[in-house]
Structure formats: structure tokens, C-alpha cells
N, C-alpha and C. Protein backbone atom coordinates (compact mmCIF):
# COMPACT_ATOMS: atom_id res chain seq x y z
N MET A 1 163.11 171.03 125.78
CA MET A 1 163.52 170.19 126.89
C MET A 1 162.41 170.10 127.92
N CYS A 2 162.28 168.93 128.50
CA CYS A 2 161.32 168.70 129.59
C CYS A 2 159.90 169.09 129.22
N ASP A 3 159.51 168.83 127.99
CA ASP A 3 158.15 169.12 127.58
C ASP A 3 157.30 167.87 127.39
N GLY A 4 157.87 166.71 127.79
CA GLY A 4 157.14 165.46 127.68
C GLY A 4 157.26 164.81 126.33
N GLU A 5 157.95 165.45 125.40
CA GLU A 5 158.14 164.90 124.06
C GLU A 5 159.62 164.69 123.81
N LYS A 6 159.98 163.51 123.31
CA LYS A 6 161.37 163.22 123.01
C LYS A 6 161.73 163.82 121.66
N ASP A 7 162.47 164.91 121.69
CA ASP A 7 162.89 165.57 120.46
C ASP A 7 164.22 165.01 119.96
N CYS A 8 165.05 164.52 120.87
CA CYS A 8 166.31 163.89 120.50
C CYS A 8 166.06 162.39 120.33
N ALA A 9 166.73 161.78 119.40
CA ALA A 9 166.53 160.36 119.14
C ALA A 9 166.78 159.51 120.38
N ASP A 10 167.74 159.91 121.21
CA ASP A 10 168.03 159.14 122.42
C ASP A 10 167.22 159.60 123.63
N GLY A 11 166.37 160.60 123.45
CA GLY A 11 165.52 161.09 124.54
C GLY A 11 166.25 161.94 125.56
N SER A 12 167.48 162.35 125.25
CA SER A 12 168.29 163.09 126.22
C SER A 12 167.70 164.45 126.58
N ASP A 13 166.83 164.99 125.74
CA ASP A 13 166.21 166.27 126.06
C ASP A 13 165.20 166.15 127.21
N GLU A 14 164.86 164.93 127.58
CA GLU A 14 163.93 164.69 128.69
C GLU A 14 164.64 164.16 129.94
N ASP A 15 165.96 163.96 129.86
CA ASP A 15 166.71 163.46 131.02
C ASP A 15 166.66 164.47 132.16
N GLY A 16 166.44 163.97 133.36
CA GLY A 16 166.44 164.82 134.54
C GLY A 16 165.16 165.58 134.78
N CYS A 17 164.19 165.41 133.93
CA CYS A 17 162.95 166.18 134.07
C CYS A 17 162.13 165.74 135.28
N ALA A 18 162.16 164.48 135.62
CA ALA A 18 161.41 164.01 136.77
C ALA A 18 161.91 164.66 138.05
N GLN A 19 163.23 164.89 138.14
CA GLN A 19 163.77 165.54 139.33
C GLN A 19 163.28 166.97 139.45
N LEU A 20 163.02 167.62 138.33
CA LEU A 20 162.54 168.99 138.36
C LEU A 20 161.22 169.08 139.11
N CYS A 21 160.36 168.09 138.98
CA CYS A 21 159.08 168.10 139.66
C CYS A 21 159.25 168.00 141.18
N ASP A 22 160.37 167.46 141.64
CA ASP A 22 160.64 167.33 143.07
C ASP A 22 161.31 168.57 143.65
N THR A 23 161.66 169.53 142.81
CA THR A 23 162.31 170.75 143.25
C THR A 23 161.29 171.64 143.96
N PRO A 24 161.64 172.17 145.15
CA PRO A 24 160.70 173.05 145.85
C PRO A 24 160.28 174.22 144.97
N GLY A 25 158.98 174.45 144.91
CA GLY A 25 158.45 175.55 144.14
C GLY A 25 158.19 175.25 142.67
N ALA A 26 158.58 174.05 142.22
CA ALA A 26 158.35 173.71 140.81
C ALA A 26 156.85 173.68 140.53
N PHE A 27 156.48 174.07 139.35
CA PHE A 27 155.08 174.10 138.94
C PHE A 27 154.83 172.94 137.99
N ARG A 28 153.84 172.10 138.33
CA ARG A 28 153.47 170.98 137.45
C ARG A 28 152.41 171.48 136.47
N CYS A 29 152.69 171.32 135.20
CA CYS A 29 151.77 171.75 134.15
C CYS A 29 150.44 171.00 134.28
N ALA A 30 149.39 171.62 133.81
CA ALA A 30 148.06 171.02 133.90
C ALA A 30 148.01 169.66 133.21
N SER A 31 148.82 169.48 132.18
CA SER A 31 148.85 168.20 131.48
C SER A 31 149.39 167.09 132.39
N GLY A 32 150.14 167.49 133.44
CA GLY A 32 150.66 166.53 134.41
C GLY A 32 151.94 165.84 134.00
N THR A 33 152.39 166.05 132.78
CA THR A 33 153.59 165.36 132.31
C THR A 33 154.85 166.21 132.40
N THR A 34 154.71 167.49 132.66
CA THR A 34 155.84 168.41 132.62
C THR A 34 155.83 169.31 133.85
N CYS A 35 157.02 169.66 134.31
CA CYS A 35 157.16 170.64 135.38
C CYS A 35 158.11 171.73 134.92
N VAL A 36 157.88 172.94 135.42
CA VAL A 36 158.76 174.06 135.10
C VAL A 36 159.27 174.67 136.40
N ARG A 37 160.41 175.33 136.31
CA ARG A 37 160.99 175.99 137.48
C ARG A 37 160.08 177.11 137.95
N ALA A 38 160.08 177.36 139.25
CA ALA A 38 159.22 178.39 139.82
C ALA A 38 159.43 179.74 139.14
N ARG A 39 160.66 180.08 138.82
CA ARG A 39 160.93 181.38 138.21
C ARG A 39 160.37 181.49 136.79
N GLU A 40 160.02 180.35 136.18
CA GLU A 40 159.48 180.36 134.83
C GLU A 40 157.97 180.51 134.81
N ARG A 41 157.33 180.31 135.98
CA ARG A 41 155.88 180.45 136.05
C ARG A 41 155.54 181.94 136.04
N CYS A 42 154.57 182.30 135.23
CA CYS A 42 154.09 183.69 135.13
C CYS A 42 155.18 184.65 134.67
N ASP A 43 156.08 184.18 133.81
CA ASP A 43 157.14 185.06 133.30
C ASP A 43 156.80 185.62 131.93
N GLY A 44 155.59 185.32 131.44
CA GLY A 44 155.16 185.83 130.14
C GLY A 44 155.54 184.95 128.97
N VAL A 45 156.29 183.86 129.23
CA VAL A 45 156.70 182.93 128.18
C VAL A 45 156.23 181.54 128.56
N PRO A 46 155.30 180.94 127.82
CA PRO A 46 154.81 179.61 128.19
C PRO A 46 155.90 178.54 128.02
N GLN A 47 156.18 177.81 129.11
CA GLN A 47 157.08 176.67 129.04
C GLN A 47 156.30 175.36 128.99
N CYS A 48 155.11 175.33 129.55
CA CYS A 48 154.27 174.13 129.51
C CYS A 48 153.69 173.98 128.10
N PRO A 49 153.57 172.74 127.62
CA PRO A 49 152.97 172.54 126.31
C PRO A 49 151.56 173.11 126.20
N ASP A 50 150.85 173.14 127.34
CA ASP A 50 149.48 173.66 127.37
C ASP A 50 149.41 175.11 127.85
N ALA A 51 150.57 175.73 128.08
CA ALA A 51 150.68 177.12 128.55
C ALA A 51 150.05 177.34 129.93
N SER A 52 149.84 176.28 130.69
CA SER A 52 149.22 176.42 132.01
C SER A 52 150.10 177.17 133.00
N ASP A 53 151.40 177.27 132.73
CA ASP A 53 152.28 178.03 133.61
C ASP A 53 152.05 179.54 133.48
N GLU A 54 151.28 179.94 132.51
CA GLU A 54 150.98 181.36 132.32
C GLU A 54 149.52 181.70 132.61
N THR A 55 148.76 180.76 133.14
CA THR A 55 147.36 181.04 133.48
C THR A 55 147.24 181.36 134.96
N GLY A 56 146.28 182.18 135.30
CA GLY A 56 146.04 182.55 136.69
C GLY A 56 147.14 183.42 137.27
N CYS A 57 147.88 184.10 136.43
CA CYS A 57 148.99 184.92 136.88
C CYS A 57 148.51 186.28 137.34
N TRP A 58 149.31 186.87 138.20
CA TRP A 58 149.02 188.19 138.73
C TRP A 58 149.02 189.22 137.61
N SER A 59 148.13 190.16 137.71
CA SER A 59 148.12 191.26 136.74
C SER A 59 148.30 192.57 137.50
N PRO A 60 148.73 193.62 136.84
CA PRO A 60 148.99 194.89 137.51
C PRO A 60 147.77 195.49 138.21
N THR A 61 146.58 195.01 137.89
CA THR A 61 145.38 195.55 138.52
C THR A 61 145.11 194.90 139.88
N GLN A 62 145.84 193.83 140.22
CA GLN A 62 145.64 193.16 141.50
C GLN A 62 146.60 193.73 142.55
N GLU A 63 146.14 193.76 143.80
CA GLU A 63 147.00 194.20 144.90
C GLU A 63 147.78 193.02 145.44
N CYS A 64 148.94 193.30 145.98
CA CYS A 64 149.77 192.26 146.60
C CYS A 64 149.27 191.97 148.01
N ALA A 65 149.02 190.72 148.29
CA ALA A 65 148.71 190.31 149.65
C ALA A 65 149.99 189.91 150.37
N LEU A 66 151.00 189.53 149.56
CA LEU A 66 152.28 189.08 150.10
C LEU A 66 153.35 189.32 149.05
N ARG A 67 154.48 189.85 149.49
CA ARG A 67 155.65 189.96 148.62
C ARG A 67 156.65 188.93 149.11
N CYS A 68 157.22 188.17 148.19
CA CYS A 68 158.18 187.14 148.57
C CYS A 68 159.30 187.07 147.54
N ASP A 69 160.19 186.12 147.73
CA ASP A 69 161.35 185.96 146.85
C ASP A 69 162.12 187.27 146.74
N ALA A 70 162.56 187.75 147.91
CA ALA A 70 163.31 189.01 148.01
C ALA A 70 162.52 190.17 147.42
N ALA A 71 161.21 190.15 147.63
CA ALA A 71 160.28 191.19 147.18
C ALA A 71 160.20 191.30 145.67
N THR A 72 160.59 190.26 144.94
CA THR A 72 160.50 190.30 143.49
C THR A 72 159.19 189.71 142.99
N ARG A 73 158.47 188.99 143.85
CA ARG A 73 157.21 188.37 143.45
C ARG A 73 156.07 188.94 144.29
N CYS A 74 155.00 189.30 143.62
CA CYS A 74 153.80 189.83 144.26
C CYS A 74 152.73 188.74 144.19
N VAL A 75 152.26 188.32 145.35
CA VAL A 75 151.27 187.26 145.41
C VAL A 75 149.91 187.86 145.79
N PRO A 76 148.91 187.75 144.92
CA PRO A 76 147.58 188.26 145.25
C PRO A 76 146.90 187.36 146.28
N GLU A 77 145.90 187.89 146.94
CA GLU A 77 145.21 187.15 148.00
C GLU A 77 144.65 185.82 147.51
N SER A 78 144.18 185.76 146.28
CA SER A 78 143.58 184.53 145.75
C SER A 78 144.59 183.40 145.62
N TRP A 79 145.89 183.72 145.65
CA TRP A 79 146.92 182.69 145.55
C TRP A 79 147.35 182.16 146.91
N LEU A 80 146.98 182.86 148.00
CA LEU A 80 147.37 182.42 149.33
C LEU A 80 146.61 181.16 149.71
N CYS A 81 147.34 180.19 150.26
CA CYS A 81 146.74 178.94 150.76
C CYS A 81 145.89 178.23 149.71
N ASP A 82 146.35 178.24 148.46
CA ASP A 82 145.60 177.58 147.39
C ASP A 82 146.14 176.19 147.07
N GLY A 83 147.12 175.72 147.87
CA GLY A 83 147.68 174.39 147.64
C GLY A 83 148.82 174.38 146.64
N HIS A 84 149.18 175.54 146.11
CA HIS A 84 150.30 175.64 145.15
C HIS A 84 151.27 176.70 145.65
N ALA A 85 152.52 176.33 145.82
CA ALA A 85 153.54 177.27 146.29
C ALA A 85 153.93 178.23 145.17
N ASP A 86 153.62 179.50 145.35
CA ASP A 86 154.00 180.52 144.38
C ASP A 86 155.30 181.20 144.77
N CYS A 87 155.69 181.07 146.04
CA CYS A 87 156.96 181.61 146.54
C CYS A 87 157.95 180.47 146.67
N LEU A 88 159.21 180.76 146.39
CA LEU A 88 160.23 179.72 146.47
C LEU A 88 160.33 179.12 147.87
N ASP A 89 160.08 179.94 148.90
CA ASP A 89 160.15 179.43 150.28
C ASP A 89 158.79 178.97 150.80
N HIS A 90 157.79 178.91 149.92
CA HIS A 90 156.43 178.45 150.25
C HIS A 90 155.73 179.37 151.25
N ALA A 91 156.17 180.62 151.36
CA ALA A 91 155.58 181.54 152.34
C ALA A 91 154.09 181.75 152.11
N ASP A 92 153.63 181.63 150.87
CA ASP A 92 152.22 181.83 150.57
C ASP A 92 151.35 180.64 151.00
N GLU A 93 151.99 179.56 151.39
CA GLU A 93 151.25 178.36 151.82
C GLU A 93 151.45 178.08 153.31
N GLN A 94 152.09 178.97 154.03
CA GLN A 94 152.34 178.78 155.46
C GLN A 94 151.25 179.44 156.29
N GLY A 95 150.92 178.82 157.41
CA GLY A 95 149.93 179.37 158.32
C GLY A 95 148.50 179.21 157.84
N CYS A 96 148.29 178.32 156.92
CA CYS A 96 146.95 178.12 156.37
C CYS A 96 146.11 177.34 157.35
């Protein structure tokens, strides 16, 4: 679903995908045709056809510059003010 390819004959597997890109915190895949939910980015399972939702992710060797999403997400300094919201409330993009 929402991978830019119509797998169902009627294309129903792609219905509503455009709205997903308008959802706060949604991540647009590098291919530009697909968006994934914020919680699916950096979850260890590629949802983007090009796996771009799993690139540039935090690793245990990096320190947290900001904890957000009820302290469940650790944002490294390199992700702050990078033009992409990594926190659901966009806290990593505020005050830039």
C-alpha cells in the first residue's frame, strides 16, 4: 500500500496516499512518489520502495541532542534544523 505502484486492479491500494504526505511529520521517500508515517521512519523496516526511510537514522553510537515524542525518539544534533521534521510535534525544527 502507498508504494506508488498499483497492486490492486482498481488501484485501491494507493487510495488516500496523497493525504498521508500532508500529515504532520510524514516522511517523503527520496523517490518523491511515496510518503510514510513518522513512526515508520527509522523503525528498521523499509517502507519506501528505495528504503530511504531507513537512511540517515540514529545509531546507538550517537548522542541525543533532543528527546521528543514522549521521550521515545532520540534526535542527534545533525538532525536538528535540517528541514525535515523528525519529531511528531516538529520540536527538532523549532527555533532554527
